[in-house]
Amino acid sequence: MTDLQIPPHEYLTVRELADLLRLKERKVYDLAASGEVPCSRATGKLLFPAAEIRAWIEGAQSGGFMMPQAARPGVFLGSHDPLLDWAIRQSRCGLATFFDGSQDGLTRFAAREGVASGLHVRAPDGSWNLAAARAAAEGQDVVLIAFAARRRGLVLREDGPAPQGLAGLPGLRVAPRQEGSGTAVLLRELAQEAGVDLGSLTFTPTERTEDEAVQSVRRGEADVTFGLESVARSYGLRFVPLIEERFDLLIDRRAYFEPALQSLLDFCRSGPFRSRAENLGGYDLSRFGEVVWNA
């Protein structure tokens, strides 16, 4: 394709780019909408910078176009996990964090807003994370790495009610997680399976991390939350196990080999990391580092 003659003026119109690439104009609009081709808008009209189009074409690979993409920012996205959060800080890997739930992380990761994202999303067949990762990042150069299995259930005050399952939640104040978080989605699914109407429950204000939800129970603002055993133990609260879930890491392949993520992953293989997980409780690290999906 490098023999294509790009017009000498600074910007190309949709028609000019379509003629240049021998495509229909509709396809050019699709390329622009998906961000696959460099473009700008002026007075509502799509224009394509000739210099960037030239670089884009020269960078094309056999079988399709590839626009040179800016490096992802060094941000860890997705679901909050206390052990992962601690490891990022303790390893001094240099990554920032923006934990706001599994779905938020997948959406932001697909938009290249971070180098990795944690997730715990159960598929209808009972498997974990693979289907959600494929849906969000199919076609991107990524890898899904196993992090841990975690025990999740009801976190309760020592001096409060003692439900042994979801059927005991009516009448209690429940600390919820935000919509789109893996925790909120999983609670909705388990409640449906147990025949519990979440609409009949009394919810306190939304909490956005595992720790914050459990802290609300500890402070007496809520009677119960659907949380992790590790966090319940950290705050000295009762825990009723309901399910073991998989927590995995979706990682940009190029970033995987960069110093920041390598430092973090090396630390997660260390003795201090294993000791921390054992002391927290509720974690199974036997599959850590296993490649779940190689996109």
Protein backbone atom coordinates (compact mmCIF):
# COMPACT_ATOMS: atom_id res chain seq x y z
CA MET A 1 0.00 0.00 0.00
CA THR A 2 2.99 2.31 0.24
CA ASP A 3 2.69 3.11 -3.49
CA LEU A 4 -0.57 5.05 -2.92
CA GLN A 5 -0.30 8.70 -3.93
CA ILE A 6 -1.57 10.95 -1.16
CA PRO A 7 -2.82 14.34 -2.41
CA PRO A 8 -0.39 17.19 -1.63
CA HIS A 9 -2.77 19.31 0.48
CA GLU A 10 -2.76 19.20 4.29
CA TYR A 11 -6.12 17.50 4.88
CA LEU A 12 -8.12 14.83 3.04
CA THR A 13 -11.89 14.66 2.83
CA VAL A 14 -13.88 11.49 3.33
CA ARG A 15 -14.22 11.05 -0.41
CA GLU A 16 -10.50 11.60 -1.02
CA LEU A 17 -9.53 9.06 1.65
CA ALA A 18 -12.09 6.57 0.33
CA ASP A 19 -10.66 6.95 -3.19
CA LEU A 20 -7.12 6.66 -1.84
CA LEU A 21 -7.83 3.44 0.04
CA ARG A 22 -10.23 2.10 -2.58
CA LEU A 23 -12.98 1.80 0.04
CA LYS A 24 -16.57 2.91 0.22
CA GLU A 25 -17.16 6.16 2.08
CA ARG A 26 -19.26 4.28 4.65
CA LYS A 27 -16.17 2.26 5.59
CA VAL A 28 -14.16 5.45 6.07
CA TYR A 29 -16.80 6.74 8.47
CA ASP A 30 -16.61 3.44 10.37
CA LEU A 31 -12.81 3.66 10.60
CA ALA A 32 -13.07 7.22 11.92
CA ALA A 33 -15.76 6.33 14.47
CA SER A 34 -13.72 3.42 15.84
CA GLY A 35 -10.56 5.51 16.11
CA GLU A 36 -8.66 3.25 13.72
CA VAL A 37 -7.73 6.12 11.41
CA PRO A 38 -6.39 9.56 12.46
CA CYS A 39 -8.97 12.28 11.88
CA SER A 40 -10.23 15.62 13.16
CA ARG A 41 -13.54 17.47 12.97
CA ALA A 42 -13.91 21.03 11.74
CA THR A 43 -17.33 22.68 11.53
CA GLY A 44 -18.86 19.22 11.83
CA LYS A 45 -16.90 17.87 8.87
CA LEU A 46 -14.48 14.94 9.05
CA LEU A 47 -10.97 15.80 7.87
CA PHE A 48 -7.94 13.50 7.78
CA PRO A 49 -4.42 14.97 8.31
CA ALA A 50 -2.39 13.91 5.28
CA ALA A 51 0.87 13.51 7.20
CA GLU A 52 -0.75 11.23 9.78
CA ILE A 53 -2.54 9.27 7.08
CA ARG A 54 0.78 8.72 5.37
CA ALA A 55 2.32 7.41 8.61
CA TRP A 56 -0.74 5.25 9.23
CA ILE A 57 -0.51 3.66 5.79
CA GLU A 58 3.22 3.08 6.09
CA GLY A 59 2.59 1.36 9.41
CA ALA A 60 -0.06 -0.92 7.92
CA GLN A 61 0.38 -4.64 8.36
CA SER A 62 -0.65 -7.44 6.04
CA GLY A 63 -4.35 -8.20 6.37
CA GLY A 64 -5.46 -4.88 7.83
CA PHE A 65 -4.56 -1.41 8.98
CA MET A 66 -2.75 -0.60 12.19
CA MET A 67 -2.53 2.96 13.46
CA PRO A 68 0.44 3.61 15.75
CA GLN A 69 -1.08 3.92 19.23
CA ALA A 70 0.11 5.95 22.15
CA ALA A 71 1.44 4.01 25.12
CA ARG A 72 -1.11 3.16 27.78
CA PRO A 73 -0.83 5.19 30.98
CA GLY A 74 0.67 3.36 33.96
CA VAL A 75 -2.64 2.83 35.74
CA PHE A 76 -4.08 -0.35 37.25
CA LEU A 77 -7.85 -0.45 36.69
CA GLY A 78 -10.80 -2.59 37.63
CA SER A 79 -11.98 -4.33 40.74
CA HIS A 80 -10.50 -3.54 44.13
CA ASP A 81 -8.62 -6.36 45.81
CA PRO A 82 -6.93 -5.63 49.15
CA LEU A 83 -3.98 -7.96 48.51
CA LEU A 84 -3.35 -6.58 45.02
CA ASP A 85 -3.70 -3.01 46.29
CA TRP A 86 -1.13 -3.70 49.00
CA ALA A 87 1.25 -5.40 46.54
CA ILE A 88 1.17 -2.44 44.13
CA ARG A 89 2.22 -0.12 46.95
CA GLN A 90 4.65 -2.49 48.67
CA SER A 91 6.45 -3.44 45.44
CA ARG A 92 7.02 0.26 44.63
CA CYS A 93 6.35 -0.61 41.00
CA GLY A 94 5.25 2.93 40.19
CA LEU A 95 1.75 2.09 38.95
CA ALA A 96 -1.17 4.32 39.89
CA THR A 97 -4.57 2.78 40.67
CA PHE A 98 -8.14 3.55 39.68
CA PHE A 99 -10.28 0.82 41.19
CA ASP A 100 -13.99 1.30 40.45
CA GLY A 101 -15.32 -2.16 39.69
CA SER A 102 -14.81 -4.96 37.19
CA GLN A 103 -17.02 -3.56 34.42
CA ASP A 104 -15.63 -0.05 34.74
CA GLY A 105 -12.13 -1.48 34.52
CA LEU A 106 -12.92 -3.53 31.43
CA THR A 107 -14.47 -0.51 29.71
CA ARG A 108 -11.52 1.71 30.54
CA PHE A 109 -9.01 -0.99 29.61
CA ALA A 110 -10.65 -1.45 26.21
CA ALA A 111 -10.29 2.33 25.76
CA ARG A 112 -6.55 2.02 26.60
CA GLU A 113 -6.83 4.02 29.83
CA GLY A 114 -4.58 1.66 31.78
CA VAL A 115 -2.06 -1.17 31.48
CA ALA A 116 -4.01 -3.77 33.47
CA SER A 117 -7.39 -4.45 35.05
CA GLY A 118 -8.52 -6.77 37.81
CA LEU A 119 -11.83 -8.59 37.42
CA HIS A 120 -14.10 -11.21 38.99
CA VAL A 121 -17.00 -11.79 36.62
CA ARG A 122 -18.90 -15.06 36.57
CA ALA A 123 -20.26 -16.32 33.24
CA PRO A 124 -23.64 -18.14 32.95
CA ASP A 125 -21.79 -21.46 32.69
CA GLY A 126 -20.10 -20.85 36.05
CA SER A 127 -16.65 -20.03 34.65
CA TRP A 128 -14.85 -16.86 35.66
CA ASN A 129 -13.49 -13.85 33.76
CA LEU A 130 -12.61 -15.37 30.39
CA ALA A 131 -15.88 -14.49 28.66
CA ALA A 132 -15.85 -10.96 30.07
CA ALA A 133 -12.22 -10.42 29.05
CA ARG A 134 -12.89 -11.69 25.53
CA ALA A 135 -15.92 -9.44 25.14
CA ALA A 136 -13.99 -6.36 26.27
CA ALA A 137 -10.59 -6.92 24.67
CA GLU A 138 -11.02 -9.23 21.68
CA GLY A 139 -8.64 -8.03 18.99
CA GLN A 140 -6.29 -6.29 21.43
CA ASP A 141 -2.83 -7.60 22.26
CA VAL A 142 -3.54 -8.76 25.80
CA VAL A 143 -3.14 -11.65 28.19
CA LEU A 144 -5.36 -12.78 31.09
CA ILE A 145 -3.34 -13.94 34.11
CA ALA A 146 -4.66 -15.81 37.15
CA PHE A 147 -4.24 -13.93 40.44
CA ALA A 148 -6.14 -15.75 43.20
CA ALA A 149 -9.25 -17.58 44.28
CA ARG A 150 -11.09 -15.64 47.01
CA ARG A 151 -13.79 -16.62 49.50
CA ARG A 152 -16.74 -14.25 49.50
CA GLY A 153 -19.81 -14.19 51.70
CA LEU A 154 -21.65 -12.25 54.39
CA VAL A 155 -19.63 -9.96 56.65
CA LEU A 156 -21.41 -9.34 59.97
CA ARG A 157 -20.89 -7.49 63.25
CA GLU A 158 -20.08 -9.62 66.28
CA ASP A 159 -23.00 -8.12 68.21
CA GLY A 160 -25.48 -8.04 65.33
CA PRO A 161 -27.91 -10.40 63.56
CA ALA A 162 -26.53 -13.72 62.40
CA PRO A 163 -28.06 -14.74 59.03
CA GLN A 164 -26.55 -17.92 57.62
CA GLY A 165 -27.37 -17.10 54.00
CA LEU A 166 -28.94 -14.62 51.64
CA ALA A 167 -32.42 -15.67 52.75
CA GLY A 168 -31.70 -14.00 56.08
CA LEU A 169 -31.04 -10.54 54.63
CA PRO A 170 -34.61 -9.11 54.67
CA GLY A 171 -34.95 -6.73 57.58
CA LEU A 172 -31.20 -6.02 57.78
CA ARG A 173 -29.31 -2.97 56.59
CA VAL A 174 -27.08 -4.05 53.69
CA ALA A 175 -24.00 -2.09 52.59
CA PRO A 176 -24.01 -2.36 48.75
CA ARG A 177 -21.25 -1.97 46.18
CA GLN A 178 -21.61 0.21 43.10
CA GLU A 179 -23.49 -1.00 40.02
CA GLY A 180 -21.11 -2.54 37.51
CA SER A 181 -18.82 -3.91 40.18
CA GLY A 182 -18.25 -7.65 40.09
CA THR A 183 -19.54 -7.83 43.67
CA ALA A 184 -22.87 -6.16 42.87
CA VAL A 185 -23.41 -8.33 39.80
CA LEU A 186 -22.56 -11.52 41.67
CA LEU A 187 -24.85 -10.64 44.59
CA ARG A 188 -27.71 -10.06 42.16
CA GLU A 189 -27.11 -13.43 40.50
CA LEU A 190 -26.84 -15.36 43.78
CA ALA A 191 -29.91 -13.64 45.19
CA GLN A 192 -31.90 -14.63 42.11
CA GLU A 193 -30.73 -18.22 42.47
CA ALA A 194 -31.75 -18.18 46.15
CA GLY A 195 -35.13 -16.62 45.43
CA VAL A 196 -34.30 -13.42 47.35
CA ASP A 197 -35.80 -10.17 46.05
CA LEU A 198 -33.08 -7.51 46.37
CA GLY A 199 -35.75 -4.87 45.83
CA SER A 200 -37.20 -5.71 49.23
CA LEU A 201 -33.92 -5.15 51.08
CA THR A 202 -32.81 -2.03 52.93
CA PHE A 203 -29.58 -0.68 51.47
CA THR A 204 -27.25 1.87 53.05
CA PRO A 205 -25.22 4.31 50.88
CA THR A 206 -23.08 2.71 48.17
CA GLU A 207 -19.47 1.81 49.01
CA ARG A 208 -16.87 1.69 46.25
CA THR A 209 -14.19 -0.66 47.65
CA GLU A 210 -14.09 -3.92 49.57
CA ASP A 211 -12.62 -2.18 52.61
CA GLU A 212 -15.16 0.65 52.66
CA ALA A 213 -18.09 -1.76 52.55
CA VAL A 214 -16.74 -3.74 55.51
CA GLN A 215 -15.87 -0.58 57.42
CA SER A 216 -19.49 0.54 57.19
CA VAL A 217 -20.48 -2.69 58.97
CA ARG A 218 -17.78 -2.23 61.60
CA ARG A 219 -18.97 1.33 62.30
CA GLY A 220 -22.54 0.10 62.75
CA GLU A 221 -23.88 1.95 59.72
CA ALA A 222 -24.89 -1.38 58.17
CA ASP A 223 -25.64 -4.85 59.54
CA VAL A 224 -24.10 -6.84 56.71
CA THR A 225 -22.25 -6.61 53.42
CA PHE A 226 -21.39 -9.12 50.70
CA GLY A 227 -17.64 -9.04 51.13
CA LEU A 228 -14.34 -10.90 51.27
CA GLU A 229 -13.20 -13.16 54.10
CA SER A 230 -9.80 -11.46 54.09
CA VAL A 231 -11.32 -8.05 54.79
CA ALA A 232 -13.73 -9.39 57.41
CA ARG A 233 -10.83 -10.93 59.30
CA SER A 234 -8.79 -7.73 59.04
CA TYR A 235 -11.55 -5.85 60.89
CA GLY A 236 -12.40 -8.61 63.36
CA LEU A 237 -15.88 -9.27 61.97
CA ARG A 238 -17.83 -12.49 61.51
CA PHE A 239 -17.84 -14.12 58.10
CA VAL A 240 -20.33 -16.56 56.53
CA PRO A 241 -18.82 -18.07 53.32
CA LEU A 242 -21.10 -18.30 50.29
CA ILE A 243 -18.89 -18.74 47.21
CA GLU A 244 -15.31 -19.04 46.01
CA GLU A 245 -14.58 -16.71 43.11
CA ARG A 246 -11.69 -16.23 40.70
CA PHE A 247 -9.90 -12.88 40.56
CA ASP A 248 -7.73 -12.45 37.46
CA LEU A 249 -5.66 -9.73 35.80
CA LEU A 250 -6.18 -8.56 32.21
CA ILE A 251 -2.85 -7.11 31.07
CA ASP A 252 -1.61 -5.32 27.96
CA ARG A 253 1.02 -7.64 26.50
CA ARG A 254 3.55 -4.91 25.75
CA ALA A 255 3.16 -3.44 29.24
CA TYR A 256 3.51 -6.93 30.73
CA PHE A 257 7.21 -6.91 29.83
CA GLU A 258 7.84 -3.35 31.04
CA PRO A 259 9.63 -2.75 34.38
CA ALA A 260 6.53 -1.59 36.30
CA LEU A 261 4.45 -4.73 35.79
CA GLN A 262 7.46 -7.03 35.98
CA SER A 263 8.34 -5.51 39.37
CA LEU A 264 4.80 -6.06 40.59
CA LEU A 265 4.57 -9.65 39.32
CA ASP A 266 8.01 -10.52 40.74
CA PHE A 267 6.90 -9.20 44.11
CA CYS A 268 3.73 -11.30 43.89
CA ARG A 269 5.95 -14.39 43.66
CA SER A 270 7.90 -13.44 46.78
CA GLY A 271 7.79 -14.80 50.31
CA PRO A 272 6.45 -11.57 51.87
CA PHE A 273 3.53 -11.57 49.42
CA ARG A 274 2.66 -15.19 50.20
CA SER A 275 2.90 -14.51 53.92
CA ARG A 276 0.60 -11.51 53.58
CA ALA A 277 -1.99 -13.60 51.74
CA GLU A 278 -1.81 -16.33 54.37
CA ASN A 279 -2.17 -13.83 57.22
CA LEU A 280 -5.15 -12.14 55.56
CA GLY A 281 -6.89 -15.44 54.93
CA GLY A 282 -9.47 -16.26 52.30
CA TYR A 283 -6.98 -16.47 49.41
CA ASP A 284 -5.76 -19.41 47.33
CA LEU A 285 -2.70 -18.45 45.26
CA SER A 286 -2.00 -21.89 43.81
CA ARG A 287 -2.74 -20.75 40.24
CA PHE A 288 -1.05 -17.37 40.45
CA GLY A 289 0.66 -16.43 37.16
CA GLU A 290 -1.16 -19.08 35.10
CA VAL A 291 -2.11 -17.85 31.62
CA VAL A 292 -5.90 -18.07 31.42
CA TRP A 293 -6.19 -16.50 27.96
CA ASN A 294 -3.53 -15.50 25.44
CA ALA A 295 -5.31 -13.17 23.01
